[in-house]
């Protein structure tokens, strides 16, 4: 069954593996928290053990340059897509209050994106991300 919407995670291409994993997790949690029905029903294996439901969307993880991330974020927001951005200000902050304080002192053009999670119409998400490579 094809879905009308698509979720994509785009990470900055130069992130070390640990930072990439962290950024992907933060973005997934933040995006999921904004969705009313983000988790499908629980399932059972042949032994009757319950497995917690997952997000039913496939979630490709792509890579982009920092500049591409900024461009994608701006265009995605202009198109009305749901966009969650993870940035260096957040990554370097020790807690959320420190992040909010540091972000308030950061000019918009100085925000360096570590990654984005996008949700929107399949065609629009594809248009914005079709030239990006899968994370390797």
Protein backbone atom coordinates (compact mmCIF):
# COMPACT_ATOMS: atom_id res chain seq x y z
CA UNK A 1 0.00 0.00 0.00
CA UNK A 2 1.58 3.28 -1.11
CA UNK A 3 1.36 6.17 1.32
CA UNK A 4 0.46 9.69 0.24
CA UNK A 5 3.01 11.14 2.63
CA UNK A 6 6.70 10.53 3.05
CA UNK A 7 9.20 10.88 5.87
CA UNK A 8 12.89 11.46 5.14
CA UNK A 9 15.80 12.08 7.49
CA UNK A 10 18.69 14.04 5.98
CA UNK A 11 21.98 14.17 7.88
CA UNK A 12 25.00 16.36 7.24
CA UNK A 13 27.43 14.27 5.21
CA UNK A 14 30.51 14.94 7.34
CA UNK A 15 29.11 13.75 10.68
CA UNK A 16 31.06 11.03 12.48
CA UNK A 17 28.98 7.84 12.95
CA UNK A 18 28.15 8.50 16.61
CA UNK A 19 26.94 12.03 15.90
CA UNK A 20 24.95 10.80 12.89
CA UNK A 21 23.24 8.15 15.02
CA UNK A 22 22.47 10.73 17.71
CA UNK A 23 21.11 13.25 15.21
CA UNK A 24 18.90 10.61 13.59
CA UNK A 25 17.51 9.54 16.96
CA UNK A 26 16.83 13.13 18.09
CA UNK A 27 15.12 13.95 14.79
CA UNK A 28 13.00 10.80 14.84
CA UNK A 29 11.82 11.41 18.38
CA UNK A 30 11.07 15.08 17.70
CA UNK A 31 9.15 14.32 14.50
CA UNK A 32 7.26 11.43 16.09
CA UNK A 33 6.22 13.65 18.97
CA UNK A 34 4.49 15.97 16.51
CA UNK A 35 2.44 13.23 14.85
CA UNK A 36 -0.93 12.19 16.19
CA UNK A 37 -0.82 8.63 14.83
CA UNK A 38 2.88 7.95 14.40
CA UNK A 39 2.92 4.38 15.65
CA UNK A 40 1.15 1.37 14.16
CA UNK A 41 -0.45 -1.40 16.21
CA UNK A 42 1.68 -3.74 18.28
CA UNK A 43 2.41 -7.12 16.73
CA UNK A 44 2.94 -10.61 18.08
CA UNK A 45 5.52 -13.14 17.03
CA UNK A 46 4.78 -16.87 16.59
CA UNK A 47 5.50 -17.41 20.30
CA UNK A 48 2.93 -14.82 21.35
CA UNK A 49 5.47 -12.22 22.48
CA UNK A 50 4.35 -8.65 21.88
CA UNK A 51 6.53 -6.32 19.82
CA UNK A 52 5.84 -2.60 20.15
CA UNK A 53 4.33 -0.98 17.09
CA UNK A 54 6.58 0.94 14.76
CA UNK A 55 6.15 3.94 12.52
CA UNK A 56 4.54 2.48 9.37
CA UNK A 57 6.43 4.86 7.04
CA UNK A 58 9.70 3.75 5.49
CA UNK A 59 12.29 6.33 6.61
CA UNK A 60 15.20 6.68 4.20
CA UNK A 61 18.23 8.37 5.71
CA UNK A 62 20.05 10.59 3.23
CA UNK A 63 23.08 12.86 3.36
CA UNK A 64 23.62 16.46 2.31
CA UNK A 65 26.05 19.30 2.77
CA UNK A 66 25.38 21.93 5.40
CA UNK A 67 24.36 24.39 2.70
CA UNK A 68 21.97 21.86 1.12
CA UNK A 69 20.37 21.28 4.54
CA UNK A 70 19.73 25.00 4.92
CA UNK A 71 18.23 25.24 1.42
CA UNK A 72 16.05 22.16 1.90
CA UNK A 73 14.79 23.44 5.25
CA UNK A 74 13.83 26.82 3.85
CA UNK A 75 12.11 25.40 0.79
CA UNK A 76 10.34 22.67 2.76
CA UNK A 77 8.97 25.24 5.20
CA UNK A 78 7.88 27.44 2.28
CA UNK A 79 6.00 24.44 0.85
CA UNK A 80 4.25 23.75 4.16
CA UNK A 81 6.04 20.50 4.97
CA UNK A 82 6.60 19.53 8.58
CA UNK A 83 10.30 20.15 9.21
CA UNK A 84 12.33 19.35 12.30
CA UNK A 85 15.88 20.65 12.32
CA UNK A 86 18.74 19.54 14.55
CA UNK A 87 21.59 22.03 14.71
CA UNK A 88 25.04 22.56 16.17
CA UNK A 89 23.68 24.85 18.88
CA UNK A 90 21.52 21.97 20.16
CA UNK A 91 24.24 19.36 19.68
CA UNK A 92 26.71 21.35 21.77
CA UNK A 93 24.27 22.26 24.56
CA UNK A 94 24.28 20.25 27.79
CA UNK A 95 20.54 20.62 28.42
CA UNK A 96 17.46 22.02 26.75
CA UNK A 97 17.39 25.29 28.70
CA UNK A 98 21.00 25.97 27.69
CA UNK A 99 20.04 25.19 24.08
CA UNK A 100 17.13 27.63 24.11
CA UNK A 101 19.30 30.33 25.66
CA UNK A 102 22.11 29.81 23.14
CA UNK A 103 19.68 29.64 20.22
CA UNK A 104 18.12 32.95 21.27
CA UNK A 105 21.58 34.52 20.88
CA UNK A 106 22.27 32.91 17.46
CA UNK A 107 21.45 34.79 14.26
CA UNK A 108 19.38 32.70 11.81
CA UNK A 109 22.15 32.71 9.21
CA UNK A 110 24.57 31.32 11.81
CA UNK A 111 22.47 28.22 12.62
CA UNK A 112 24.39 25.23 11.24
CA UNK A 113 22.11 22.25 10.61
CA UNK A 114 23.27 18.78 11.56
CA UNK A 115 20.17 17.15 10.13
CA UNK A 116 16.54 17.49 9.17
CA UNK A 117 13.46 15.30 9.35
CA UNK A 118 10.81 16.04 6.73
CA UNK A 119 7.20 14.91 6.50
CA UNK A 120 4.87 15.91 3.73
CA UNK A 121 3.31 15.05 0.43
CA UNK A 122 5.33 12.26 -1.19
CA UNK A 123 5.90 14.21 -4.43
CA UNK A 124 7.11 17.33 -2.65
CA UNK A 125 9.48 15.44 -0.33
CA UNK A 126 10.82 13.50 -3.33
CA UNK A 127 11.36 16.73 -5.28
CA UNK A 128 13.41 18.23 -2.45
CA UNK A 129 15.52 15.14 -1.75
CA UNK A 130 15.76 13.09 -4.97
CA UNK A 131 19.34 14.15 -5.73
CA UNK A 132 20.67 13.22 -2.29
CA UNK A 133 22.59 10.02 -1.53
CA UNK A 134 21.64 7.37 1.00
CA UNK A 135 23.65 7.35 4.21
CA UNK A 136 26.44 4.80 3.94
